[in-house]
């Protein structure tokens, strides 16, 4: 099992993208960008669900999305497992093993 500091492998990201396919975005990035409130929402969503979708309402330029997603990964200790259009998928394993909802496959 990988811990938070190790990057997910390609097959693991693919598995998580498959799980996220049927999910709806739970966090939306609007015209204000990354605010304290948005960061709190992202953290709460990751703590509750482990796997979340984030939709860009504004900041739809590729460079802006890249900058924001990298900031989210760094700030929240999560990993972006995919980007489809203006929707990013993030995963952060719950620190307490018994509370984990998603079991990521290993080789």
Protein backbone atom coordinates (compact mmCIF):
# COMPACT_ATOMS: atom_id res chain seq x y z
CA UNK A 1 0.00 0.00 0.00
CA UNK A 2 1.36 3.42 -0.89
CA UNK A 3 1.35 6.28 1.57
CA UNK A 4 0.56 9.94 0.90
CA UNK A 5 4.11 10.91 -0.08
CA UNK A 6 4.42 8.31 -2.84
CA UNK A 7 2.95 9.05 -6.24
CA UNK A 8 0.24 6.81 -7.64
CA UNK A 9 1.16 4.63 -10.59
CA UNK A 10 -0.59 4.85 -13.95
CA UNK A 11 -2.85 1.83 -13.41
CA UNK A 12 -3.92 3.23 -10.03
CA UNK A 13 -4.78 6.63 -11.54
CA UNK A 14 -6.75 4.85 -14.28
CA UNK A 15 -8.67 2.86 -11.64
CA UNK A 16 -9.51 6.07 -9.73
CA UNK A 17 -10.60 7.86 -12.92
CA UNK A 18 -12.96 4.94 -13.54
CA UNK A 19 -14.46 5.33 -10.07
CA UNK A 20 -14.84 9.09 -10.59
CA UNK A 21 -16.58 8.70 -13.96
CA UNK A 22 -20.08 8.54 -12.48
CA UNK A 23 -19.41 11.22 -9.83
CA UNK A 24 -20.58 14.82 -10.01
CA UNK A 25 -18.25 17.73 -9.17
CA UNK A 26 -18.41 18.71 -5.49
CA UNK A 27 -16.16 21.79 -5.65
CA UNK A 28 -16.30 24.64 -8.17
CA UNK A 29 -13.56 27.17 -8.96
CA UNK A 30 -15.21 30.51 -9.73
CA UNK A 31 -13.93 33.93 -10.68
CA UNK A 32 -12.16 34.47 -7.34
CA UNK A 33 -9.90 31.45 -7.86
CA UNK A 34 -8.34 29.73 -4.87
CA UNK A 35 -9.73 31.43 -1.80
CA UNK A 36 -9.55 30.38 1.84
CA UNK A 37 -13.18 29.24 1.63
CA UNK A 38 -12.51 27.19 -1.50
CA UNK A 39 -9.46 25.58 0.12
CA UNK A 40 -11.58 24.67 3.16
CA UNK A 41 -14.21 23.13 0.85
CA UNK A 42 -11.56 21.10 -0.98
CA UNK A 43 -10.07 19.86 2.28
CA UNK A 44 -13.48 18.93 3.70
CA UNK A 45 -14.48 17.12 0.49
CA UNK A 46 -11.22 15.15 0.38
CA UNK A 47 -11.58 14.22 4.06
CA UNK A 48 -15.14 13.01 3.48
CA UNK A 49 -14.81 11.31 0.09
CA UNK A 50 -11.08 10.77 -0.67
CA UNK A 51 -11.87 11.06 -4.40
CA UNK A 52 -13.45 14.29 -5.66
CA UNK A 53 -14.19 16.15 -8.86
CA UNK A 54 -13.47 19.86 -9.10
CA UNK A 55 -14.99 21.92 -11.93
CA UNK A 56 -13.50 25.11 -13.33
CA UNK A 57 -16.24 27.67 -13.94
CA UNK A 58 -13.64 30.36 -14.63
CA UNK A 59 -9.86 30.04 -15.18
CA UNK A 60 -10.45 27.75 -18.15
CA UNK A 61 -7.11 28.52 -19.82
CA UNK A 62 -4.74 25.56 -19.68
CA UNK A 63 -1.97 27.50 -17.87
CA UNK A 64 -4.39 28.75 -15.21
CA UNK A 65 -5.82 25.27 -14.59
CA UNK A 66 -2.31 23.81 -14.33
CA UNK A 67 -1.25 26.47 -11.83
CA UNK A 68 -4.38 25.99 -9.69
CA UNK A 69 -4.24 22.17 -9.73
CA UNK A 70 -0.55 22.20 -8.73
CA UNK A 71 -1.36 24.56 -5.88
CA UNK A 72 -4.21 22.29 -4.72
CA UNK A 73 -1.93 19.23 -4.80
CA UNK A 74 0.73 21.01 -2.75
CA UNK A 75 -1.67 22.62 -0.26
CA UNK A 76 -3.84 19.56 0.39
CA UNK A 77 -1.38 16.68 -0.01
CA UNK A 78 -3.54 15.15 -2.72
CA UNK A 79 -2.85 14.01 -6.25
CA UNK A 80 -4.64 14.95 -9.44
CA UNK A 81 -5.47 11.66 -11.14
CA UNK A 82 -7.07 13.14 -14.24
CA UNK A 83 -8.40 16.18 -16.06
CA UNK A 84 -11.31 15.91 -18.45
CA UNK A 85 -12.17 19.21 -20.10
CA UNK A 86 -12.66 21.68 -17.26
CA UNK A 87 -13.06 19.03 -14.56
CA UNK A 88 -10.14 17.80 -12.44
CA UNK A 89 -10.17 14.62 -10.34
CA UNK A 90 -8.23 14.59 -7.06
CA UNK A 91 -7.46 11.76 -4.66
CA UNK A 92 -6.18 11.85 -1.10
CA UNK A 93 -6.12 8.65 0.93
CA UNK A 94 -7.67 8.99 4.39
CA UNK A 95 -4.87 8.96 6.99
CA UNK A 96 -6.74 6.46 9.21
CA UNK A 97 -6.78 3.08 7.49
CA UNK A 98 -10.10 1.94 9.02
CA UNK A 99 -11.85 5.07 7.65
CA UNK A 100 -10.68 4.60 4.07
CA UNK A 101 -13.52 4.22 1.58
CA UNK A 102 -11.43 3.51 -1.51
CA UNK A 103 -9.04 0.61 -1.74
CA UNK A 104 -6.50 1.44 -4.44
CA UNK A 105 -5.20 -1.71 -6.15
CA UNK A 106 -1.52 -2.55 -5.93
CA UNK A 107 0.41 -4.86 -8.24
